[in-house]
Every structure is written in structure tokens, then in C-alpha cells.
Amino acid sequence: MKKEIENEMEDELRSEYDFAQMEGGIRGKYIERYHQGTNLVLLDPDVAQAFPNDKTVNEALRLLIQVAQRQQPNTVVQQTEQK
């Protein structure tokens, strides 16, 4: 049964995906970020147009948190440490 699963997995990889011919790849390039707990969020194209980088997204969200806190003083919105 285990051999069947292994063969099945091998068959799913297309022949055009020849990783031996790929150049420039660096193993573990993003491992440090991964260990820091990076969160990735996919923005819709229209939203992404308004924000050129992660800094502007964070600034806008922090402003939104402040506005929400002022509008609903009884609601606690927990802020995380700013980088």
C-alpha cells in the first residue's frame, strides 16, 4: 500500500518541473522569517493598489484600530508590539 502512495505522488509531478536545471535557488532563504512568525495576507488587487508596501498596510490598520477604539470605548482591541 505504501508503495502505491509513493508511485502516485511521483506521477503528479509534471515532467517540465525539472528542479535539477533550476539555478539561483538558495535553500533556507526565508527560514529566519519563518521562525519569526511572519503572517502573510493576500490582498485583493484593488486593495493592493492602495498600499505600496507592508509599512503602509500596517499604518492604515493601526489607524483603523485607533478609530475603532474611540468609537467603541467598551470594546477592548488588543494591540501588538510595533516593529
PDB file of N, CA and C in Angstrom:
ATOM      1  N   MET A   1       0.824  -1.196   0.000  1.00  0.00           N
ATOM      2  CA  MET A   1       0.000   0.000   0.000  1.00  0.00           C
ATOM      3  C   MET A   1       0.861   1.249   0.000  1.00  0.00           C
ATOM      4  N   LYS A   2       1.922   1.259   0.823  1.00  0.00           N
ATOM      5  CA  LYS A   2       2.794   2.420   0.907  1.00  0.00           C
ATOM      6  C   LYS A   2       3.457   2.695  -0.439  1.00  0.00           C
ATOM      7  N   LYS A   3       3.853   1.638  -1.133  1.00  0.00           N
ATOM      8  CA  LYS A   3       4.497   1.795  -2.438  1.00  0.00           C
ATOM      9  C   LYS A   3       3.525   2.436  -3.439  1.00  0.00           C
ATOM     10  N   GLU A   4       2.240   2.064  -3.354  1.00  0.00           N
ATOM     11  CA  GLU A   4       1.232   2.647  -4.243  1.00  0.00           C
ATOM     12  C   GLU A   4       1.159   4.163  -4.045  1.00  0.00           C
ATOM     13  N   ILE A   5       1.176   4.597  -2.798  1.00  0.00           N
ATOM     14  CA  ILE A   5       1.092   6.025  -2.484  1.00  0.00           C
ATOM     15  C   ILE A   5       2.324   6.745  -3.023  1.00  0.00           C
ATOM     16  N   GLU A   6       3.511   6.172  -2.843  1.00  0.00           N
ATOM     17  CA  GLU A   6       4.739   6.792  -3.336  1.00  0.00           C
ATOM     18  C   GLU A   6       4.700   6.938  -4.849  1.00  0.00           C
ATOM     19  N   ASN A   7       4.252   5.906  -5.564  1.00  0.00           N
ATOM     20  CA  ASN A   7       4.161   5.962  -7.024  1.00  0.00           C
ATOM     21  C   ASN A   7       3.135   7.000  -7.460  1.00  0.00           C
ATOM     22  N   GLU A   8       2.041   7.085  -6.729  1.00  0.00           N
ATOM     23  CA  GLU A   8       1.007   8.062  -7.029  1.00  0.00           C
ATOM     24  C   GLU A   8       1.560   9.480  -6.916  1.00  0.00           C
ATOM     25  N   MET A   9       2.343   9.742  -5.882  1.00  0.00           N
ATOM     26  CA  MET A   9       2.926  11.058  -5.669  1.00  0.00           C
ATOM     27  C   MET A   9       3.912  11.380  -6.789  1.00  0.00           C
ATOM     28  N   GLU A  10       4.706  10.437  -7.193  1.00  0.00           N
ATOM     29  CA  GLU A  10       5.677  10.659  -8.261  1.00  0.00           C
ATOM     30  C   GLU A  10       4.980  11.021  -9.564  1.00  0.00           C
ATOM     31  N   ASP A  11       3.844  10.408  -9.829  1.00  0.00           N
ATOM     32  CA  ASP A  11       3.132  10.644 -11.076  1.00  0.00           C
ATOM     33  C   ASP A  11       2.535  12.050 -11.143  1.00  0.00           C
ATOM     34  N   GLU A  12       2.317  12.687 -10.006  1.00  0.00           N
ATOM     35  CA  GLU A  12       1.708  14.010 -10.002  1.00  0.00           C
ATOM     36  C   GLU A  12       2.666  15.114 -10.434  1.00  0.00           C
ATOM     37  N   LEU A  13       3.964  14.881 -10.336  1.00  0.00           N
ATOM     38  CA  LEU A  13       4.936  15.899 -10.706  1.00  0.00           C
ATOM     39  C   LEU A  13       5.104  15.908 -12.221  1.00  0.00           C
ATOM     40  N   ARG A  14       4.858  17.033 -12.812  1.00  0.00           N
ATOM     41  CA  ARG A  14       4.967  17.142 -14.275  1.00  0.00           C
ATOM     42  C   ARG A  14       6.418  17.101 -14.725  1.00  0.00           C
ATOM     43  N   SER A  15       6.628  16.608 -15.897  1.00  0.00           N
ATOM     44  CA  SER A  15       7.991  16.463 -16.410  1.00  0.00           C
ATOM     45  C   SER A  15       8.670  17.813 -16.628  1.00  0.00           C
ATOM     46  N   GLU A  16       7.914  18.881 -16.874  1.00  0.00           N
ATOM     47  CA  GLU A  16       8.529  20.198 -17.092  1.00  0.00           C
ATOM     48  C   GLU A  16       9.088  20.806 -15.804  1.00  0.00           C
ATOM     49  N   TYR A  17       8.766  20.207 -14.653  1.00  0.00           N
ATOM     50  CA  TYR A  17       9.313  20.676 -13.394  1.00  0.00           C
ATOM     51  C   TYR A  17      10.624  19.955 -13.092  1.00  0.00           C
ATOM     52  N   ASP A  18      11.648  20.303 -13.812  1.00  0.00           N
ATOM     53  CA  ASP A  18      12.957  19.680 -13.608  1.00  0.00           C
ATOM     54  C   ASP A  18      13.769  20.577 -12.685  1.00  0.00           C
ATOM     55  N   PHE A  19      13.727  20.288 -11.410  1.00  0.00           N
ATOM     56  CA  PHE A  19      14.386  21.125 -10.423  1.00  0.00           C
ATOM     57  C   PHE A  19      15.907  21.053 -10.509  1.00  0.00           C
ATOM     58  N   ALA A  20      16.428  20.017 -11.132  1.00  0.00           N
ATOM     59  CA  ALA A  20      17.884  19.885 -11.280  1.00  0.00           C
ATOM     60  C   ALA A  20      18.438  20.985 -12.186  1.00  0.00           C
ATOM     61  N   GLN A  21      17.618  21.498 -13.085  1.00  0.00           N
ATOM     62  CA  GLN A  21      18.084  22.529 -14.016  1.00  0.00           C
ATOM     63  C   GLN A  21      17.831  23.945 -13.501  1.00  0.00           C
ATOM     64  N   MET A  22      17.167  24.067 -12.391  1.00  0.00           N
ATOM     65  CA  MET A  22      16.896  25.396 -11.842  1.00  0.00           C
ATOM     66  C   MET A  22      18.161  25.963 -11.216  1.00  0.00           C
ATOM     67  N   GLU A  23      18.416  27.229 -11.485  1.00  0.00           N
ATOM     68  CA  GLU A  23      19.606  27.879 -10.953  1.00  0.00           C
ATOM     69  C   GLU A  23      19.208  29.025 -10.034  1.00  0.00           C
ATOM     70  N   GLY A  24      20.082  29.342  -9.114  1.00  0.00           N
ATOM     71  CA  GLY A  24      19.875  30.510  -8.276  1.00  0.00           C
ATOM     72  C   GLY A  24      19.057  30.280  -7.028  1.00  0.00           C
ATOM     73  N   GLY A  25      18.550  29.085  -6.849  1.00  0.00           N
ATOM     74  CA  GLY A  25      17.777  28.802  -5.650  1.00  0.00           C
ATOM     75  C   GLY A  25      18.693  28.688  -4.442  1.00  0.00           C
ATOM     76  N   ILE A  26      18.238  29.222  -3.343  1.00  0.00           N
ATOM     77  CA  ILE A  26      19.020  29.178  -2.113  1.00  0.00           C
ATOM     78  C   ILE A  26      18.195  28.450  -1.064  1.00  0.00           C
ATOM     79  N   ARG A  27      18.712  27.325  -0.609  1.00  0.00           N
ATOM     80  CA  ARG A  27      17.995  26.537   0.389  1.00  0.00           C
ATOM     81  C   ARG A  27      17.933  27.320   1.708  1.00  0.00           C
ATOM     82  N   GLY A  28      16.728  27.392   2.271  1.00  0.00           N
ATOM     83  CA  GLY A  28      16.541  28.047   3.561  1.00  0.00           C
ATOM     84  C   GLY A  28      16.600  29.561   3.511  1.00  0.00           C
ATOM     85  N   LYS A  29      16.389  30.150   2.338  1.00  0.00           N
ATOM     86  CA  LYS A  29      16.499  31.591   2.164  1.00  0.00           C
ATOM     87  C   LYS A  29      15.581  32.374   3.117  1.00  0.00           C
ATOM     88  N   TYR A  30      14.403  31.863   3.377  1.00  0.00           N
ATOM     89  CA  TYR A  30      13.426  32.580   4.195  1.00  0.00           C
ATOM     90  C   TYR A  30      13.183  31.922   5.552  1.00  0.00           C
ATOM     91  N   ILE A  31      14.053  31.016   5.953  1.00  0.00           N
ATOM     92  CA  ILE A  31      13.824  30.278   7.197  1.00  0.00           C
ATOM     93  C   ILE A  31      13.814  31.190   8.422  1.00  0.00           C
ATOM     94  N   GLU A  32      14.642  32.233   8.427  1.00  0.00           N
ATOM     95  CA  GLU A  32      14.677  33.145   9.571  1.00  0.00           C
ATOM     96  C   GLU A  32      13.340  33.862   9.720  1.00  0.00           C
ATOM     97  N   ARG A  33      12.786  34.339   8.609  1.00  0.00           N
ATOM     98  CA  ARG A  33      11.474  34.990   8.657  1.00  0.00           C
ATOM     99  C   ARG A  33      10.405  34.013   9.138  1.00  0.00           C
ATOM    100  N   TYR A  34      10.503  32.779   8.669  1.00  0.00           N
ATOM    101  CA  TYR A  34       9.529  31.765   9.066  1.00  0.00           C
ATOM    102  C   TYR A  34       9.558  31.565  10.575  1.00  0.00           C
ATOM    103  N   HIS A  35      10.743  31.486  11.139  1.00  0.00           N
ATOM    104  CA  HIS A  35      10.871  31.277  12.571  1.00  0.00           C
ATOM    105  C   HIS A  35      10.412  32.501  13.372  1.00  0.00           C
ATOM    106  N   GLN A  36      10.406  33.665  12.779  1.00  0.00           N
ATOM    107  CA  GLN A  36       9.927  34.873  13.456  1.00  0.00           C
ATOM    108  C   GLN A  36       8.402  34.937  13.479  1.00  0.00           C
ATOM    109  N   GLY A  37       7.769  34.064  12.725  1.00  0.00           N
ATOM    110  CA  GLY A  37       6.309  34.019  12.727  1.00  0.00           C
ATOM    111  C   GLY A  37       5.682  35.002  11.775  1.00  0.00           C
ATOM    112  N   THR A  38       6.206  35.106  10.593  1.00  0.00           N
ATOM    113  CA  THR A  38       5.667  36.021   9.595  1.00  0.00           C
ATOM    114  C   THR A  38       4.246  35.620   9.217  1.00  0.00           C
ATOM    115  N   ASN A  39       3.352  36.593   9.155  1.00  0.00           N
ATOM    116  CA  ASN A  39       1.992  36.364   8.690  1.00  0.00           C
ATOM    117  C   ASN A  39       1.880  36.904   7.275  1.00  0.00           C
ATOM    118  N   LEU A  40       1.353  36.100   6.402  1.00  0.00           N
ATOM    119  CA  LEU A  40       1.136  36.538   5.031  1.00  0.00           C
ATOM    120  C   LEU A  40      -0.354  36.678   4.802  1.00  0.00           C
ATOM    121  N   VAL A  41      -0.728  37.767   4.150  1.00  0.00           N
ATOM    122  CA  VAL A  41      -2.122  38.022   3.840  1.00  0.00           C
ATOM    123  C   VAL A  41      -2.211  38.389   2.373  1.00  0.00           C
ATOM    124  N   LEU A  42      -3.119  37.764   1.660  1.00  0.00           N
ATOM    125  CA  LEU A  42      -3.312  38.056   0.248  1.00  0.00           C
ATOM    126  C   LEU A  42      -4.337  39.170   0.108  1.00  0.00           C
ATOM    127  N   LEU A  43      -3.908  40.280  -0.485  1.00  0.00           N
ATOM    128  CA  LEU A  43      -4.805  41.413  -0.698  1.00  0.00           C
ATOM    129  C   LEU A  43      -5.434  41.305  -2.076  1.00  0.00           C
ATOM    130  N   ASP A  44      -6.680  41.724  -2.179  1.00  0.00           N
ATOM    131  CA  ASP A  44      -7.307  41.804  -3.489  1.00  0.00           C
ATOM    132  C   ASP A  44      -6.595  42.884  -4.292  1.00  0.00           C
ATOM    133  N   PRO A  45      -6.573  42.763  -5.613  1.00  0.00           N
ATOM    134  CA  PRO A  45      -5.819  43.706  -6.451  1.00  0.00           C
ATOM    135  C   PRO A  45      -6.166  45.172  -6.216  1.00  0.00           C
ATOM    136  N   ASP A  46      -7.457  45.481  -6.031  1.00  0.00           N
ATOM    137  CA  ASP A  46      -7.832  46.878  -5.821  1.00  0.00           C
ATOM    138  C   ASP A  46      -7.307  47.410  -4.494  1.00  0.00           C
ATOM    139  N   VAL A  47      -7.243  46.570  -3.481  1.00  0.00           N
ATOM    140  CA  VAL A  47      -6.707  46.975  -2.182  1.00  0.00           C
ATOM    141  C   VAL A  47      -5.190  47.107  -2.275  1.00  0.00           C
ATOM    142  N   ALA A  48      -4.552  46.175  -2.932  1.00  0.00           N
ATOM    143  CA  ALA A  48      -3.092  46.191  -3.074  1.00  0.00           C
ATOM    144  C   ALA A  48      -2.615  47.450  -3.796  1.00  0.00           C
ATOM    145  N   GLN A  49      -3.413  47.978  -4.707  1.00  0.00           N
ATOM    146  CA  GLN A  49      -3.038  49.211  -5.414  1.00  0.00           C
ATOM    147  C   GLN A  49      -2.892  50.385  -4.454  1.00  0.00           C
ATOM    148  N   ALA A  50      -3.666  50.385  -3.392  1.00  0.00           N
ATOM    149  CA  ALA A  50      -3.644  51.497  -2.448  1.00  0.00           C
ATOM    150  C   ALA A  50      -2.464  51.426  -1.486  1.00  0.00           C
ATOM    151  N   PHE A  51      -1.836  50.264  -1.377  1.00  0.00           N
ATOM    152  CA  PHE A  51      -0.754  50.067  -0.416  1.00  0.00           C
ATOM    153  C   PHE A  51       0.502  49.559  -1.119  1.00  0.00           C
ATOM    154  N   PRO A  52       1.509  50.412  -1.270  1.00  0.00           N
ATOM    155  CA  PRO A  52       2.714  50.002  -1.996  1.00  0.00           C
ATOM    156  C   PRO A  52       3.612  49.040  -1.232  1.00  0.00           C
ATOM    157  N   ASN A  53       3.458  48.953   0.102  1.00  0.00           N
ATOM    158  CA  ASN A  53       4.334  48.056   0.871  1.00  0.00           C
ATOM    159  C   ASN A  53       3.683  47.705   2.210  1.00  0.00           C
ATOM    160  N   ASP A  54       4.353  46.838   2.951  1.00  0.00           N
ATOM    161  CA  ASP A  54       3.800  46.377   4.224  1.00  0.00           C
ATOM    162  C   ASP A  54       3.711  47.490   5.268  1.00  0.00           C
ATOM    163  N   LYS A  55       4.607  48.451   5.204  1.00  0.00           N
ATOM    164  CA  LYS A  55       4.592  49.543   6.174  1.00  0.00           C
ATOM    165  C   LYS A  55       3.294  50.350   6.073  1.00  0.00           C
ATOM    166  N   THR A  56       2.867  50.654   4.864  1.00  0.00           N
ATOM    167  CA  THR A  56       1.637  51.436   4.687  1.00  0.00           C
ATOM    168  C   THR A  56       0.405  50.639   5.105  1.00  0.00           C
ATOM    169  N   VAL A  57       0.413  49.333   4.885  1.00  0.00           N
ATOM    170  CA  VAL A  57      -0.706  48.495   5.332  1.00  0.00           C
ATOM    171  C   VAL A  57      -0.784  48.528   6.853  1.00  0.00           C
ATOM    172  N   ASN A  58       0.357  48.357   7.513  1.00  0.00           N
ATOM    173  CA  ASN A  58       0.380  48.373   8.973  1.00  0.00           C
ATOM    174  C   ASN A  58      -0.065  49.716   9.536  1.00  0.00           C
ATOM    175  N   GLU A  59       0.386  50.808   8.927  1.00  0.00           N
ATOM    176  CA  GLU A  59      -0.023  52.138   9.386  1.00  0.00           C
ATOM    177  C   GLU A  59      -1.527  52.319   9.267  1.00  0.00           C
ATOM    178  N   ALA A  60      -2.096  51.888   8.148  1.00  0.00           N
ATOM    179  CA  ALA A  60      -3.538  52.023   7.941  1.00  0.00           C
ATOM    180  C   ALA A  60      -4.321  51.176   8.943  1.00  0.00           C
ATOM    181  N   LEU A  61      -3.852  49.972   9.194  1.00  0.00           N
ATOM    182  CA  LEU A  61      -4.552  49.116  10.149  1.00  0.00           C
ATOM    183  C   LEU A  61      -4.449  49.651  11.573  1.00  0.00           C
ATOM    184  N   ARG A  62      -3.301  50.212  11.931  1.00  0.00           N
ATOM    185  CA  ARG A  62      -3.163  50.809  13.262  1.00  0.00           C
ATOM    186  C   ARG A  62      -4.105  52.000  13.427  1.00  0.00           C
ATOM    187  N   LEU A  63      -4.235  52.795  12.374  1.00  0.00           N
ATOM    188  CA  LEU A  63      -5.168  53.920  12.407  1.00  0.00           C
ATOM    189  C   LEU A  63      -6.604  53.414  12.558  1.00  0.00           C
ATOM    190  N   LEU A  64      -6.933  52.369  11.858  1.00  0.00           N
ATOM    191  CA  LEU A  64      -8.269  51.782  11.961  1.00  0.00           C
ATOM    192  C   LEU A  64      -8.525  51.266  13.372  1.00  0.00           C
ATOM    193  N   ILE A  65      -7.524  50.671  13.998  1.00  0.00           N
ATOM    194  CA  ILE A  65      -7.659  50.209  15.384  1.00  0.00           C
ATOM    195  C   ILE A  65      -7.944  51.392  16.309  1.00  0.00           C
ATOM    196  N   GLN A  66      -7.220  52.482  16.120  1.00  0.00           N
ATOM    197  CA  GLN A  66      -7.430  53.671  16.955  1.00  0.00           C
ATOM    198  C   GLN A  66      -8.842  54.225  16.784  1.00  0.00           C
ATOM    199  N   VAL A  67      -9.304  54.292  15.546  1.00  0.00           N
ATOM    200  CA  VAL A  67     -10.655  54.798  15.279  1.00  0.00           C
ATOM    201  C   VAL A  67     -11.684  53.881  15.929  1.00  0.00           C
ATOM    202  N   ALA A  68     -11.498  52.587  15.809  1.00  0.00           N
ATOM    203  CA  ALA A  68     -12.439  51.628  16.401  1.00  0.00           C
ATOM    204  C   ALA A  68     -12.469  51.762  17.913  1.00  0.00           C
ATOM    205  N   GLN A  69     -11.318  51.982  18.521  1.00  0.00           N
ATOM    206  CA  GLN A  69     -11.262  52.139  19.972  1.00  0.00           C
ATOM    207  C   GLN A  69     -11.990  53.399  20.422  1.00  0.00           C
ATOM    208  N   ARG A  70     -11.893  54.458  19.646  1.00  0.00           N
ATOM    209  CA  ARG A  70     -12.583  55.705  20.010  1.00  0.00           C
ATOM    210  C   ARG A  70     -14.093  55.590  19.834  1.00  0.00           C
ATOM    211  N   GLN A  71     -14.513  54.832  18.836  1.00  0.00           N
ATOM    212  CA  GLN A  71     -15.939  54.682  18.551  1.00  0.00           C
ATOM    213  C   GLN A  71     -16.629  53.775  19.557  1.00  0.00           C
ATOM    214  N   GLN A  72     -15.908  52.776  20.052  1.00  0.00           N
ATOM    215  CA  GLN A  72     -16.486  51.811  20.979  1.00  0.00           C
ATOM    216  C   GLN A  72     -15.569  51.688  22.196  1.00  0.00           C
ATOM    217  N   PRO A  73     -15.666  52.613  23.121  1.00  0.00           N
ATOM    218  CA  PRO A  73     -14.757  52.613  24.271  1.00  0.00           C
ATOM    219  C   PRO A  73     -14.884  51.384  25.156  1.00  0.00           C
ATOM    220  N   ASN A  74     -16.017  50.685  25.115  1.00  0.00           N
ATOM    221  CA  ASN A  74     -16.199  49.496  25.945  1.00  0.00           C
ATOM    222  C   ASN A  74     -15.573  48.249  25.319  1.00  0.00           C
ATOM    223  N   THR A  75     -15.195  48.335  24.061  1.00  0.00           N
ATOM    224  CA  THR A  75     -14.603  47.199  23.361  1.00  0.00           C
ATOM    225  C   THR A  75     -13.088  47.289  23.465  1.00  0.00           C
ATOM    226  N   VAL A  76     -12.474  46.219  23.877  1.00  0.00           N
ATOM    227  CA  VAL A  76     -11.023  46.192  24.005  1.00  0.00           C
ATOM    228  C   VAL A  76     -10.443  45.607  22.735  1.00  0.00           C
ATOM    229  N   VAL A  77      -9.571  46.369  22.095  1.00  0.00           N
ATOM    230  CA  VAL A  77      -8.839  45.898  20.929  1.00  0.00           C
ATOM    231  C   VAL A  77      -7.389  45.795  21.342  1.00  0.00           C
ATOM    232  N   GLN A  78      -6.872  44.573  21.343  1.00  0.00           N
ATOM    233  CA  GLN A  78      -5.505  44.363  21.818  1.00  0.00           C
ATOM    234  C   GLN A  78      -4.526  44.719  20.722  1.00  0.00           C
ATOM    235  N   GLN A  79      -3.587  45.612  21.043  1.00  0.00           N
ATOM    236  CA  GLN A  79      -2.535  45.994  20.096  1.00  0.00           C
ATOM    237  C   GLN A  79      -1.306  45.159  20.378  1.00  0.00           C
ATOM    238  N   THR A  80      -0.597  44.808  19.305  1.00  0.00           N
ATOM    239  CA  THR A  80       0.650  44.087  19.455  1.00  0.00           C
ATOM    240  C   THR A  80       1.801  45.080  19.403  1.00  0.00           C
ATOM    241  N   GLU A  81       2.951  44.648  19.808  1.00  0.00           N
ATOM    242  CA  GLU A  81       4.143  45.500  19.828  1.00  0.00           C
ATOM    243  C   GLU A  81       4.497  45.930  18.414  1.00  0.00           C
ATOM    244  N   GLN A  82       4.721  47.217  18.198  1.00  0.00           N
ATOM    245  CA  GLN A  82       5.101  47.733  16.884  1.00  0.00           C
ATOM    246  C   GLN A  82       6.561  47.450  16.636  1.00  0.00           C
ATOM    247  N   LYS A  83       6.873  47.161  15.375  1.00  0.00           N
ATOM    248  CA  LYS A  83       8.271  46.905  14.997  1.00  0.00           C
ATOM    249  C   LYS A  83       8.944  48.168  14.591  1.00  0.00           C
TER     250      LYS A  83
END
